[in-house]
Amino acid sequence: MIKEIEKYFIKQYMKQDVRVLPGHWPDFKSKQEVDEWIQLINRVMKAMK
């Protein structure tokens, strides 16, 4: 993961209530991929409630 994207991911990830083990994070190529993954994880967690 590119350092700039990794920093962006960590910043966005820490704002979430959902946690995923670090070894299970995708190898993001863009900020858009980060945003889409976070939205997906949040939708999955909401559906499981």
C-alpha atoms as a PDB file:
ATOM      1  CA  MET A   1       0.000   0.000   0.000  1.00  0.00           C
ATOM      2  CA  ILE A   2       1.332   3.458  -0.892  1.00  0.00           C
ATOM      3  CA  LYS A   3       2.226   5.465   2.256  1.00  0.00           C
ATOM      4  CA  GLU A   4      -0.134   8.339   1.387  1.00  0.00           C
ATOM      5  CA  ILE A   5      -3.019   5.897   0.875  1.00  0.00           C
ATOM      6  CA  GLU A   6      -2.098   4.000   4.049  1.00  0.00           C
ATOM      7  CA  LYS A   7      -2.184   7.210   6.116  1.00  0.00           C
ATOM      8  CA  TYR A   8      -5.550   8.119   4.587  1.00  0.00           C
ATOM      9  CA  PHE A   9      -6.885   4.630   5.309  1.00  0.00           C
ATOM     10  CA  ILE A  10      -5.767   4.682   8.957  1.00  0.00           C
ATOM     11  CA  LYS A  11      -7.313   8.129   9.468  1.00  0.00           C
ATOM     12  CA  GLN A  12     -10.654   7.041   7.954  1.00  0.00           C
ATOM     13  CA  TYR A  13     -10.569   3.614   9.627  1.00  0.00           C
ATOM     14  CA  MET A  14     -10.112   5.090  13.105  1.00  0.00           C
ATOM     15  CA  LYS A  15     -13.347   7.085  12.661  1.00  0.00           C
ATOM     16  CA  GLN A  16     -15.339   3.851  12.239  1.00  0.00           C
ATOM     17  CA  ASP A  17     -17.009   1.661  14.868  1.00  0.00           C
ATOM     18  CA  VAL A  18     -16.008  -1.455  12.920  1.00  0.00           C
ATOM     19  CA  ARG A  19     -12.639  -3.177  13.362  1.00  0.00           C
ATOM     20  CA  VAL A  20     -10.945  -5.618  10.993  1.00  0.00           C
ATOM     21  CA  LEU A  21      -7.674  -7.352  11.852  1.00  0.00           C
ATOM     22  CA  PRO A  22      -4.743  -5.660  10.069  1.00  0.00           C
ATOM     23  CA  GLY A  23      -3.767  -8.768   8.097  1.00  0.00           C
ATOM     24  CA  HIS A  24      -7.232  -8.761   6.508  1.00  0.00           C
ATOM     25  CA  TRP A  25      -7.117  -5.253   5.038  1.00  0.00           C
ATOM     26  CA  PRO A  26      -7.085  -5.009   1.235  1.00  0.00           C
ATOM     27  CA  ASP A  27      -4.052  -3.572  -0.558  1.00  0.00           C
ATOM     28  CA  PHE A  28      -5.631  -0.242  -1.451  1.00  0.00           C
ATOM     29  CA  LYS A  29      -4.479   1.522  -4.606  1.00  0.00           C
ATOM     30  CA  SER A  30      -6.503   4.744  -4.194  1.00  0.00           C
ATOM     31  CA  LYS A  31      -8.459   6.814  -1.709  1.00  0.00           C
ATOM     32  CA  GLN A  32     -11.605   5.862  -3.616  1.00  0.00           C
ATOM     33  CA  GLU A  33     -10.919   2.169  -2.905  1.00  0.00           C
ATOM     34  CA  VAL A  34     -10.519   3.015   0.790  1.00  0.00           C
ATOM     35  CA  ASP A  35     -13.846   4.873   0.847  1.00  0.00           C
ATOM     36  CA  GLU A  36     -15.666   2.093  -1.016  1.00  0.00           C
ATOM     37  CA  TRP A  37     -14.275  -0.611   1.307  1.00  0.00           C
ATOM     38  CA  ILE A  38     -15.251   1.333   4.433  1.00  0.00           C
ATOM     39  CA  GLN A  39     -18.768   1.859   3.045  1.00  0.00           C
ATOM     40  CA  LEU A  40     -19.034  -1.856   2.275  1.00  0.00           C
ATOM     41  CA  ILE A  41     -17.876  -2.902   5.748  1.00  0.00           C
ATOM     42  CA  ASN A  42     -20.359  -0.499   7.342  1.00  0.00           C
ATOM     43  CA  ARG A  43     -23.221  -1.842   5.175  1.00  0.00           C
ATOM     44  CA  VAL A  44     -22.344  -5.424   6.111  1.00  0.00           C
ATOM     45  CA  MET A  45     -22.251  -4.608   9.817  1.00  0.00           C
ATOM     46  CA  LYS A  46     -25.557  -2.714   9.598  1.00  0.00           C
ATOM     47  CA  ALA A  47     -27.181  -5.690   7.834  1.00  0.00           C
ATOM     48  CA  MET A  48     -25.975  -8.047  10.575  1.00  0.00           C
ATOM     49  CA  LYS A  49     -27.708  -6.075  13.357  1.00  0.00           C
END
